[in-house]
Amino acid sequence: MTDLEIIKRHLSSYIADLDNLKKHKNVTIETVKRDTDLLWIIERGLYLLIQNLFDMLAHIVSADFNETWDSYTEID
């Protein structure tokens, strides 16, 4: 069974990271090319968003797999 608290925690983190990343939505590619610190901030923000998505999906898939696996083992 999926633990909703874990999903809520990742979703909350995702939303917070997305809000931080939105601060840089009007940055041009020229600015990013000149400012490596800004590039790092944007890359790090994107990395955190992707990581939270993967963590949520992994949790959902593993919970589903465990339920499916448990139903197979109950047959034996």
Protein backbone atom coordinates (compact mmCIF):
# COMPACT_ATOMS: atom_id res chain seq x y z
CA MET A 1 0.00 0.00 0.00
CA THR A 2 1.25 3.45 -0.91
CA ASP A 3 2.19 5.54 2.11
CA LEU A 4 0.44 8.84 1.45
CA GLU A 5 2.63 10.68 3.98
CA ILE A 6 5.72 9.88 1.91
CA ILE A 7 3.99 11.06 -1.27
CA LYS A 8 2.79 14.24 0.47
CA ARG A 9 6.32 14.95 1.72
CA HIS A 10 7.80 14.56 -1.76
CA LEU A 11 5.00 16.58 -3.32
CA SER A 12 5.49 19.38 -0.79
CA SER A 13 9.21 19.41 -1.53
CA TYR A 14 8.49 19.39 -5.27
CA ILE A 15 6.18 22.41 -4.97
CA ALA A 16 8.70 24.32 -2.83
CA ASP A 17 11.51 23.59 -5.30
CA LEU A 18 9.31 24.58 -8.23
CA ASP A 19 8.44 27.87 -6.51
CA ASN A 20 12.14 28.58 -6.00
CA LEU A 21 12.90 27.76 -9.61
CA LYS A 22 10.08 30.02 -10.84
CA LYS A 23 12.08 33.00 -9.57
CA HIS A 24 14.35 32.46 -12.58
CA LYS A 25 11.69 31.91 -15.27
CA ASN A 26 12.56 35.11 -17.16
CA VAL A 27 16.30 34.45 -17.36
CA THR A 28 17.64 34.42 -20.91
CA ILE A 29 20.07 31.89 -22.30
CA GLU A 30 22.62 34.70 -22.74
CA THR A 31 22.45 35.47 -19.03
CA VAL A 32 22.89 31.79 -18.16
CA LYS A 33 25.91 31.54 -20.46
CA ARG A 34 27.56 34.48 -18.66
CA ASP A 35 26.60 33.54 -15.11
CA THR A 36 27.75 30.07 -14.10
CA ASP A 37 26.34 30.49 -10.59
CA LEU A 38 22.89 31.06 -12.07
CA LEU A 39 23.37 28.06 -14.33
CA TRP A 40 24.18 25.96 -11.27
CA ILE A 41 21.08 27.22 -9.44
CA ILE A 42 18.82 26.34 -12.36
CA GLU A 43 20.45 22.95 -12.91
CA ARG A 44 20.17 22.13 -9.21
CA GLY A 45 16.52 23.17 -9.15
CA LEU A 46 15.72 21.00 -12.15
CA TYR A 47 17.62 18.10 -10.61
CA LEU A 48 15.60 18.37 -7.38
CA LEU A 49 12.32 18.45 -9.29
CA ILE A 50 13.22 15.37 -11.30
CA GLN A 51 14.51 13.54 -8.22
CA ASN A 52 11.28 14.16 -6.33
CA LEU A 53 9.24 12.91 -9.28
CA PHE A 54 11.36 9.75 -9.49
CA ASP A 55 11.09 9.21 -5.74
CA MET A 56 7.30 9.49 -5.83
CA LEU A 57 7.00 7.19 -8.83
CA ALA A 58 9.40 4.65 -7.32
CA HIS A 59 7.39 4.60 -4.12
CA ILE A 60 4.10 4.12 -5.98
CA VAL A 61 5.50 1.39 -8.24
CA SER A 62 7.19 -0.48 -5.39
CA ALA A 63 4.02 -0.31 -3.28
CA ASP A 64 2.00 -1.68 -6.19
CA PHE A 65 4.59 -4.40 -6.83
CA ASN A 66 4.53 -5.41 -3.16
CA GLU A 67 0.74 -5.68 -3.19
CA THR A 68 0.85 -7.75 -6.39
CA TRP A 69 3.63 -9.91 -4.98
CA ASP A 70 1.73 -10.44 -1.73
CA SER A 71 -1.38 -11.56 -3.63
CA TYR A 72 0.72 -14.16 -5.52
CA THR A 73 2.31 -15.51 -2.37
CA GLU A 74 -1.07 -15.85 -0.65
CA ILE A 75 -2.13 -18.32 -3.35
CA ASP A 76 0.65 -20.74 -2.43
